[in-house]
Amino acid sequence: MDMMFVHCRPFDFPNNRVYAMEPGPGKVAAINLNQETGNMTLAWSVDEKTPEWTVLIGPASQRVLVGTNLQTNVTNPLEYDAGPIGPNYKERIRWREAASKCGQATVDSYTKD
């Protein structure tokens, strides 16, 4: 059976935008949402494995999307292993300007020890 991860997706109603992430294909995306018609269009996407979480912070005019970016040679997300011997991946925390996808800052790799 094929599996897909389901994650909480941040909604930014003042900016008519939805943010999505899927660790399988390794994508983070911003989707424009027309609240009157329900039509959606892709604003931007980046290659980024974000299996844990994303959160939207800041005022509507200065939104920042914060998430993680997995560093691993493992290709199947179901095989990501945090331990107990030690993780088979490292994560970086990424802050990204939500309007344009521009990276603002990255915290160097950390492990979940």
C-alpha atoms as a PDB file:
ATOM      1  CA  MET A   1       0.000   0.000   0.000  1.00  0.00           C
ATOM      2  CA  ASP A   2       1.333   3.463  -0.895  1.00  0.00           C
ATOM      3  CA  MET A   3       1.543   5.847   2.014  1.00  0.00           C
ATOM      4  CA  MET A   4       1.446   9.612   2.169  1.00  0.00           C
ATOM      5  CA  PHE A   5       2.275  11.744   5.173  1.00  0.00           C
ATOM      6  CA  VAL A   6      -0.466  14.129   6.260  1.00  0.00           C
ATOM      7  CA  HIS A   7       0.716  17.275   7.991  1.00  0.00           C
ATOM      8  CA  CYS A   8      -0.822  20.394   9.376  1.00  0.00           C
ATOM      9  CA  ARG A   9      -0.696  23.029   6.652  1.00  0.00           C
ATOM     10  CA  PRO A  10      -0.371  26.649   7.716  1.00  0.00           C
ATOM     11  CA  PHE A  11      -3.116  28.856   6.306  1.00  0.00           C
ATOM     12  CA  ASP A  12      -2.461  32.567   5.829  1.00  0.00           C
ATOM     13  CA  PHE A  13      -5.930  33.952   5.150  1.00  0.00           C
ATOM     14  CA  PRO A  14      -4.941  37.673   5.138  1.00  0.00           C
ATOM     15  CA  ASN A  15      -2.460  36.900   2.324  1.00  0.00           C
ATOM     16  CA  ASN A  16      -4.670  34.323   0.548  1.00  0.00           C
ATOM     17  CA  ARG A  17      -2.028  31.654   0.860  1.00  0.00           C
ATOM     18  CA  VAL A  18      -1.682  28.038   1.994  1.00  0.00           C
ATOM     19  CA  TYR A  19       1.683  26.386   2.749  1.00  0.00           C
ATOM     20  CA  ALA A  20       2.248  22.681   2.198  1.00  0.00           C
ATOM     21  CA  MET A  21       5.054  20.234   2.768  1.00  0.00           C
ATOM     22  CA  GLU A  22       5.524  16.613   1.815  1.00  0.00           C
ATOM     23  CA  PRO A  23       8.669  14.690   2.778  1.00  0.00           C
ATOM     24  CA  GLY A  24       8.129  11.880   0.229  1.00  0.00           C
ATOM     25  CA  PRO A  25       8.937  13.968  -2.845  1.00  0.00           C
ATOM     26  CA  GLY A  26      10.806  16.463  -0.636  1.00  0.00           C
ATOM     27  CA  LYS A  27       8.833  19.610  -1.416  1.00  0.00           C
ATOM     28  CA  VAL A  28       7.683  22.719   0.437  1.00  0.00           C
ATOM     29  CA  ALA A  29       5.234  24.920  -1.443  1.00  0.00           C
ATOM     30  CA  ALA A  30       3.193  28.092  -1.199  1.00  0.00           C
ATOM     31  CA  ILE A  31      -0.214  27.987  -2.869  1.00  0.00           C
ATOM     32  CA  ASN A  32      -2.251  31.078  -3.662  1.00  0.00           C
ATOM     33  CA  LEU A  33      -5.904  30.673  -2.721  1.00  0.00           C
ATOM     34  CA  ASN A  34      -8.700  32.766  -4.204  1.00  0.00           C
ATOM     35  CA  GLN A  35     -11.138  32.741  -1.302  1.00  0.00           C
ATOM     36  CA  GLU A  36     -14.060  33.786  -3.524  1.00  0.00           C
ATOM     37  CA  THR A  37     -13.704  31.129  -6.227  1.00  0.00           C
ATOM     38  CA  GLY A  38     -11.673  28.482  -4.419  1.00  0.00           C
ATOM     39  CA  ASN A  39      -9.136  28.449  -7.282  1.00  0.00           C
ATOM     40  CA  MET A  40      -5.576  27.674  -6.289  1.00  0.00           C
ATOM     41  CA  THR A  41      -2.304  28.396  -8.093  1.00  0.00           C
ATOM     42  CA  LEU A  42       1.268  27.565  -7.201  1.00  0.00           C
ATOM     43  CA  ALA A  43       3.136  30.618  -5.896  1.00  0.00           C
ATOM     44  CA  TRP A  44       6.458  28.838  -5.347  1.00  0.00           C
ATOM     45  CA  SER A  45       7.999  25.510  -4.370  1.00  0.00           C
ATOM     46  CA  VAL A  46      11.426  24.386  -3.208  1.00  0.00           C
ATOM     47  CA  ASP A  47      13.182  21.050  -2.824  1.00  0.00           C
ATOM     48  CA  GLU A  48      13.243  20.527   0.920  1.00  0.00           C
ATOM     49  CA  LYS A  49      12.572  17.428   3.019  1.00  0.00           C
ATOM     50  CA  THR A  50      10.458  18.669   5.910  1.00  0.00           C
ATOM     51  CA  PRO A  51       9.071  15.635   7.740  1.00  0.00           C
ATOM     52  CA  GLU A  52       8.438  17.264  11.100  1.00  0.00           C
ATOM     53  CA  TRP A  53       6.616  20.584  10.982  1.00  0.00           C
ATOM     54  CA  THR A  54       6.228  24.022   9.496  1.00  0.00           C
ATOM     55  CA  VAL A  55       4.936  27.101  11.244  1.00  0.00           C
ATOM     56  CA  LEU A  56       4.043  30.555   9.966  1.00  0.00           C
ATOM     57  CA  ILE A  57       5.153  33.497  12.119  1.00  0.00           C
ATOM     58  CA  GLY A  58       5.096  37.292  11.960  1.00  0.00           C
ATOM     59  CA  PRO A  59       2.547  39.926  10.971  1.00  0.00           C
ATOM     60  CA  ALA A  60       0.659  39.558   7.676  1.00  0.00           C
ATOM     61  CA  SER A  61       3.000  41.969   5.874  1.00  0.00           C
ATOM     62  CA  GLN A  62       6.147  40.139   7.020  1.00  0.00           C
ATOM     63  CA  ARG A  63       5.297  36.425   7.201  1.00  0.00           C
ATOM     64  CA  VAL A  64       8.103  33.950   7.770  1.00  0.00           C
ATOM     65  CA  LEU A  65       7.730  30.206   7.167  1.00  0.00           C
ATOM     66  CA  VAL A  66       9.814  28.142   9.583  1.00  0.00           C
ATOM     67  CA  GLY A  67      10.485  24.455   9.059  1.00  0.00           C
ATOM     68  CA  THR A  68      13.116  21.772   8.997  1.00  0.00           C
ATOM     69  CA  ASN A  69      15.215  20.434   6.146  1.00  0.00           C
ATOM     70  CA  LEU A  70      16.382  16.838   6.437  1.00  0.00           C
ATOM     71  CA  GLN A  71      19.935  15.905   5.439  1.00  0.00           C
ATOM     72  CA  THR A  72      20.119  12.170   4.675  1.00  0.00           C
ATOM     73  CA  ASN A  73      20.957   9.523   2.119  1.00  0.00           C
ATOM     74  CA  VAL A  74      17.759   7.637   3.018  1.00  0.00           C
ATOM     75  CA  THR A  75      15.264   7.920   0.167  1.00  0.00           C
ATOM     76  CA  ASN A  76      12.178   6.361   1.779  1.00  0.00           C
ATOM     77  CA  PRO A  77      10.614   8.625   4.464  1.00  0.00           C
ATOM     78  CA  LEU A  78       9.286   5.526   6.248  1.00  0.00           C
ATOM     79  CA  GLU A  79      12.924   4.568   6.950  1.00  0.00           C
ATOM     80  CA  TYR A  80      13.882   7.812   8.717  1.00  0.00           C
ATOM     81  CA  ASP A  81      15.073   6.625  12.116  1.00  0.00           C
ATOM     82  CA  ALA A  82      15.711   8.880  15.114  1.00  0.00           C
ATOM     83  CA  GLY A  83      17.340   6.189  17.244  1.00  0.00           C
ATOM     84  CA  PRO A  84      17.874   4.541  19.696  1.00  0.00           C
ATOM     85  CA  ILE A  85      21.441   4.022  18.441  1.00  0.00           C
ATOM     86  CA  GLY A  86      21.446   7.333  16.618  1.00  0.00           C
ATOM     87  CA  PRO A  87      19.535   9.016  13.847  1.00  0.00           C
ATOM     88  CA  ASN A  88      20.193   8.238  10.186  1.00  0.00           C
ATOM     89  CA  TYR A  89      19.638  11.896   9.348  1.00  0.00           C
ATOM     90  CA  LYS A  90      20.343  15.440  10.468  1.00  0.00           C
ATOM     91  CA  GLU A  91      17.931  18.340  10.325  1.00  0.00           C
ATOM     92  CA  ARG A  92      18.441  22.028   9.699  1.00  0.00           C
ATOM     93  CA  ILE A  93      15.970  24.652  10.789  1.00  0.00           C
ATOM     94  CA  ARG A  94      15.072  27.038   7.939  1.00  0.00           C
ATOM     95  CA  TRP A  95      13.482  30.474   8.107  1.00  0.00           C
ATOM     96  CA  ARG A  96      12.090  31.516   4.752  1.00  0.00           C
ATOM     97  CA  GLU A  97      10.428  34.743   3.617  1.00  0.00           C
ATOM     98  CA  ALA A  98       6.942  33.382   3.009  1.00  0.00           C
ATOM     99  CA  ALA A  99       6.022  35.795   0.227  1.00  0.00           C
ATOM    100  CA  SER A 100       9.009  34.991  -1.990  1.00  0.00           C
ATOM    101  CA  LYS A 101      10.574  31.720  -0.695  1.00  0.00           C
ATOM    102  CA  CYS A 102      13.882  33.499  -0.092  1.00  0.00           C
ATOM    103  CA  GLY A 103      15.861  31.847   2.684  1.00  0.00           C
ATOM    104  CA  GLN A 104      16.458  34.228   5.554  1.00  0.00           C
ATOM    105  CA  ALA A 105      18.438  32.026   7.913  1.00  0.00           C
ATOM    106  CA  THR A 106      19.472  28.449   8.558  1.00  0.00           C
ATOM    107  CA  VAL A 107      20.534  26.847  11.823  1.00  0.00           C
ATOM    108  CA  ASP A 108      23.313  24.354  11.241  1.00  0.00           C
ATOM    109  CA  SER A 109      22.499  20.656  11.419  1.00  0.00           C
ATOM    110  CA  TYR A 110      21.317  19.185  14.661  1.00  0.00           C
ATOM    111  CA  THR A 111      20.359  15.676  15.679  1.00  0.00           C
ATOM    112  CA  LYS A 112      17.559  14.487  17.918  1.00  0.00           C
ATOM    113  CA  ASP A 113      19.761  12.888  20.580  1.00  0.00           C
END
